[in-house]
Amino acid sequence: MSRRRFENLDQDRQQKLLDAAAEEFGARGYEAASLNRILEGAGMSKSSLYYYFDDKADLFASMVERSIAFLFKAVGGLDLQALTAETYWSELEGLFRRAIAVMNGDAWYLRLGRMFYRLRGQSRAGGPTDRAFDVAARWIAAIIERGQALGVVRTDLPMSLLVACAMGLGEALDHWVIDHWDELDDAARLRMAAEQTDLFRRFLAP
């Protein structure tokens, strides 16, 4: 995508297009989603869409990135430099807990997760999810590097292996949560924050 072009678009028009995309992808999934319906909802022409995005996959990836950014804004983010050896794991648990609370209050994020991983599982169609995974891998690497600097994350394995394993664990947990979300009450969902943090700590701690 010509990211600069889209970011220079009026904020209201940006939001209108991404809202229309979110509604269409959320209602029909990636494969069945219609660019024509998205354009109609956004009040935009097809030529305008292709000025800002390469194709449907590019639009989907941008919608995912924007949704994740909104989620992080709602959750409150994580100031890596403010972490200490004493607060590292508890702050990560707090981040998980706040994310779960936001998901409890907005079912859109669960629908997005289900659509994202369904598409991710289709090897030929997985391209639209790759960009989000690359961003996540860089974020995980930064968290691990900060933990290593604080002495609370192991340094005996290559960084690339630590990141790959952490990403694999995170993806497995995401799949489980998405598959079982409706079976859990609010208290059980919130308990997952401590349980998932403990799994990461058992693997990553020195």
Protein backbone atom coordinates (compact mmCIF):
# COMPACT_ATOMS: atom_id res chain seq x y z
CA MET A 1 0.00 0.00 0.00
CA SER A 2 1.09 3.57 -0.58
CA ARG A 3 0.80 4.22 3.16
CA ARG A 4 1.62 7.92 2.80
CA ARG A 5 -1.22 8.40 0.35
CA PHE A 6 -3.76 6.84 2.67
CA GLU A 7 -2.48 8.63 5.78
CA ASN A 8 -2.78 11.93 3.89
CA LEU A 9 -6.45 11.21 3.19
CA ASP A 10 -8.92 13.16 5.31
CA GLN A 11 -9.37 11.41 8.69
CA ASP A 12 -13.15 11.17 8.31
CA ARG A 13 -12.81 9.51 4.89
CA GLN A 14 -10.15 7.14 6.25
CA GLN A 15 -12.44 6.11 9.07
CA LYS A 16 -15.48 5.76 6.82
CA LEU A 17 -13.61 3.42 4.46
CA LEU A 18 -12.15 1.28 7.24
CA ASP A 19 -15.51 1.13 9.04
CA ALA A 20 -17.16 -0.09 5.82
CA ALA A 21 -14.39 -2.65 5.36
CA ALA A 22 -14.71 -3.84 8.96
CA GLU A 23 -18.47 -4.25 8.59
CA GLU A 24 -18.16 -6.18 5.32
CA PHE A 25 -15.27 -8.42 6.37
CA GLY A 26 -16.82 -9.01 9.78
CA ALA A 27 -20.20 -9.97 8.33
CA ARG A 28 -19.05 -12.12 5.41
CA GLY A 29 -15.43 -13.10 6.05
CA TYR A 30 -12.50 -12.36 3.80
CA GLU A 31 -13.28 -14.52 0.77
CA ALA A 32 -16.96 -13.57 0.48
CA ALA A 33 -16.42 -9.89 1.22
CA SER A 34 -17.31 -7.62 -1.71
CA LEU A 35 -15.19 -4.60 -2.59
CA ASN A 36 -18.25 -3.12 -4.30
CA ARG A 37 -20.25 -3.22 -1.05
CA ILE A 38 -17.31 -1.70 0.85
CA LEU A 39 -17.03 1.09 -1.73
CA GLU A 40 -20.78 1.72 -1.60
CA GLY A 41 -20.66 1.95 2.19
CA ALA A 42 -17.67 4.29 2.08
CA GLY A 43 -19.01 6.44 -0.77
CA MET A 44 -15.81 5.87 -2.72
CA SER A 45 -15.09 4.89 -6.31
CA LYS A 46 -13.06 1.83 -7.28
CA SER A 47 -10.40 4.01 -8.88
CA SER A 48 -10.04 5.89 -5.60
CA LEU A 49 -9.69 2.65 -3.66
CA TYR A 50 -6.87 1.46 -5.91
CA TYR A 51 -5.15 4.81 -5.49
CA TYR A 52 -4.78 4.04 -1.78
CA PHE A 53 -4.56 0.23 -1.73
CA ASP A 54 -3.01 -2.41 -3.96
CA ASP A 55 -5.90 -4.86 -3.69
CA LYS A 56 -8.42 -6.49 -1.35
CA ALA A 57 -5.65 -8.16 0.66
CA ASP A 58 -3.96 -4.80 1.21
CA LEU A 59 -7.22 -3.26 2.42
CA PHE A 60 -7.83 -6.19 4.77
CA ALA A 61 -4.32 -5.98 6.22
CA SER A 62 -4.71 -2.25 6.77
CA MET A 63 -8.05 -2.79 8.50
CA VAL A 64 -6.44 -5.39 10.80
CA GLU A 65 -3.57 -3.03 11.62
CA ARG A 66 -5.94 -0.16 12.38
CA SER A 67 -8.14 -2.42 14.55
CA ILE A 68 -5.09 -3.61 16.50
CA ALA A 69 -4.02 0.01 16.98
CA PHE A 70 -7.47 0.84 18.37
CA LEU A 71 -7.26 -2.19 20.66
CA PHE A 72 -3.88 -1.09 22.00
CA LYS A 73 -5.22 2.42 22.54
CA ALA A 74 -8.17 1.02 24.49
CA VAL A 75 -5.94 -1.37 26.44
CA GLY A 76 -3.38 1.31 27.27
CA GLY A 77 -0.26 -0.06 25.60
CA LEU A 78 3.00 -1.00 27.30
CA ASP A 79 5.91 1.35 28.08
CA LEU A 80 8.88 -0.99 27.75
CA GLN A 81 11.38 1.49 29.13
CA ALA A 82 9.34 1.92 32.29
CA LEU A 83 9.47 -1.81 33.06
CA THR A 84 11.73 -3.01 35.87
CA ALA A 85 12.83 -6.48 36.90
CA GLU A 86 10.17 -6.38 39.60
CA THR A 87 7.32 -5.20 37.35
CA TYR A 88 8.12 -6.95 34.04
CA TRP A 89 5.86 -9.99 34.39
CA SER A 90 3.12 -8.26 36.37
CA GLU A 91 2.86 -5.50 33.75
CA LEU A 92 2.57 -8.10 30.97
CA GLU A 93 -0.17 -9.84 32.94
CA GLY A 94 -1.92 -6.50 33.34
CA LEU A 95 -1.73 -5.94 29.59
CA PHE A 96 -3.35 -9.34 28.95
CA ARG A 97 -6.00 -8.62 31.56
CA ARG A 98 -6.92 -5.26 30.03
CA ALA A 99 -7.05 -6.78 26.54
CA ILE A 100 -9.44 -9.48 27.74
CA ALA A 101 -11.62 -6.84 29.44
CA VAL A 102 -11.82 -4.87 26.17
CA MET A 103 -12.74 -8.04 24.26
CA ASN A 104 -15.43 -8.75 26.85
CA GLY A 105 -16.97 -5.40 26.03
CA ASP A 106 -16.61 -5.43 22.25
CA ALA A 107 -17.36 -8.61 20.30
CA TRP A 108 -15.82 -7.11 17.14
CA TYR A 109 -12.32 -8.08 18.26
CA LEU A 110 -13.35 -11.71 18.71
CA ARG A 111 -14.92 -11.76 15.24
CA LEU A 112 -11.77 -10.20 13.83
CA GLY A 113 -9.62 -12.85 15.54
CA ARG A 114 -11.73 -15.68 14.19
CA MET A 115 -11.60 -14.29 10.67
CA PHE A 116 -7.87 -13.56 10.94
CA TYR A 117 -6.90 -17.08 12.02
CA ARG A 118 -9.30 -18.74 9.62
CA LEU A 119 -7.57 -16.87 6.82
CA ARG A 120 -4.17 -17.57 8.39
CA GLY A 121 -4.91 -21.29 8.21
CA GLN A 122 -5.50 -21.15 4.47
CA SER A 123 -1.91 -21.31 3.24
CA ARG A 124 -2.67 -19.96 -0.23
CA ALA A 125 -4.71 -17.09 1.18
CA GLY A 126 -2.58 -16.31 4.21
CA GLY A 127 -0.82 -13.34 2.62
CA PRO A 128 -3.19 -10.69 4.05
CA THR A 129 -2.21 -11.78 7.58
CA ASP A 130 1.56 -11.77 7.05
CA ARG A 131 1.99 -8.04 7.63
CA ALA A 132 0.28 -8.18 11.02
CA PHE A 133 2.43 -11.16 12.02
CA ASP A 134 5.59 -9.29 11.05
CA VAL A 135 4.55 -6.36 13.26
CA ALA A 136 3.75 -8.75 16.12
CA ALA A 137 7.13 -10.46 15.78
CA ARG A 138 8.95 -7.13 16.05
CA TRP A 139 6.90 -6.23 19.13
CA ILE A 140 7.63 -9.60 20.76
CA ALA A 141 11.34 -9.17 20.01
CA ALA A 142 11.33 -5.75 21.70
CA ILE A 143 9.62 -7.20 24.79
CA ILE A 144 12.12 -10.05 24.96
CA GLU A 145 15.10 -7.72 24.52
CA ARG A 146 13.84 -5.52 27.36
CA GLY A 147 13.40 -8.58 29.57
CA GLN A 148 16.93 -9.72 28.79
CA ALA A 149 18.30 -6.28 29.67
CA LEU A 150 16.50 -6.53 33.01
CA GLY A 151 17.77 -10.06 33.65
CA VAL A 152 14.31 -11.66 33.72
CA VAL A 153 14.41 -13.32 30.28
CA ARG A 154 16.84 -16.05 29.25
CA THR A 155 19.78 -15.31 26.98
CA ASP A 156 20.97 -18.86 26.30
CA LEU A 157 19.01 -19.25 23.04
CA PRO A 158 19.21 -17.23 19.81
CA MET A 159 16.82 -14.28 19.66
CA SER A 160 15.26 -15.59 16.45
CA LEU A 161 14.42 -18.88 18.19
CA LEU A 162 12.99 -17.13 21.26
CA VAL A 163 10.80 -14.93 19.07
CA ALA A 164 9.63 -17.87 16.94
CA CYS A 165 8.74 -19.93 20.01
CA ALA A 166 6.99 -17.02 21.72
CA MET A 167 5.02 -16.33 18.55
CA GLY A 168 4.07 -19.99 18.29
CA LEU A 169 2.89 -20.07 21.90
CA GLY A 170 0.95 -16.86 21.42
CA GLU A 171 -0.75 -18.18 18.29
CA ALA A 172 -1.67 -21.44 20.05
CA LEU A 173 -3.17 -19.48 22.95
CA ASP A 174 -5.08 -17.21 20.57
CA HIS A 175 -6.56 -20.23 18.79
CA TRP A 176 -7.63 -21.79 22.08
CA VAL A 177 -9.16 -18.58 23.40
CA ILE A 178 -11.07 -17.94 20.17
CA ASP A 179 -12.36 -21.53 20.06
CA HIS A 180 -13.45 -21.60 23.72
CA TRP A 181 -14.39 -17.98 24.38
CA ASP A 182 -18.14 -18.59 24.40
CA GLU A 183 -17.76 -21.42 26.93
CA LEU A 184 -16.08 -19.17 29.53
CA ASP A 185 -17.68 -16.68 31.89
CA ASP A 186 -16.12 -13.26 32.53
CA ALA A 187 -14.19 -14.42 35.59
CA ALA A 188 -12.70 -17.41 33.75
CA ARG A 189 -11.66 -15.18 30.86
CA LEU A 190 -9.88 -12.79 33.20
CA ARG A 191 -8.10 -15.68 34.94
CA MET A 192 -6.54 -16.50 31.59
CA ALA A 193 -4.34 -13.40 31.92
CA ALA A 194 -2.44 -14.93 34.84
CA GLU A 195 -2.42 -18.40 33.29
CA GLN A 196 -1.07 -17.23 29.96
CA THR A 197 1.54 -14.98 31.54
CA ASP A 198 2.72 -17.95 33.59
CA LEU A 199 3.15 -20.04 30.44
CA PHE A 200 5.33 -17.34 28.86
CA ARG A 201 7.32 -16.91 32.07
CA ARG A 202 8.01 -20.66 32.37
CA PHE A 203 9.45 -20.68 28.87
CA LEU A 204 11.26 -17.35 28.84
CA ALA A 205 12.59 -16.95 32.38
CA PRO A 206 16.31 -17.72 32.92
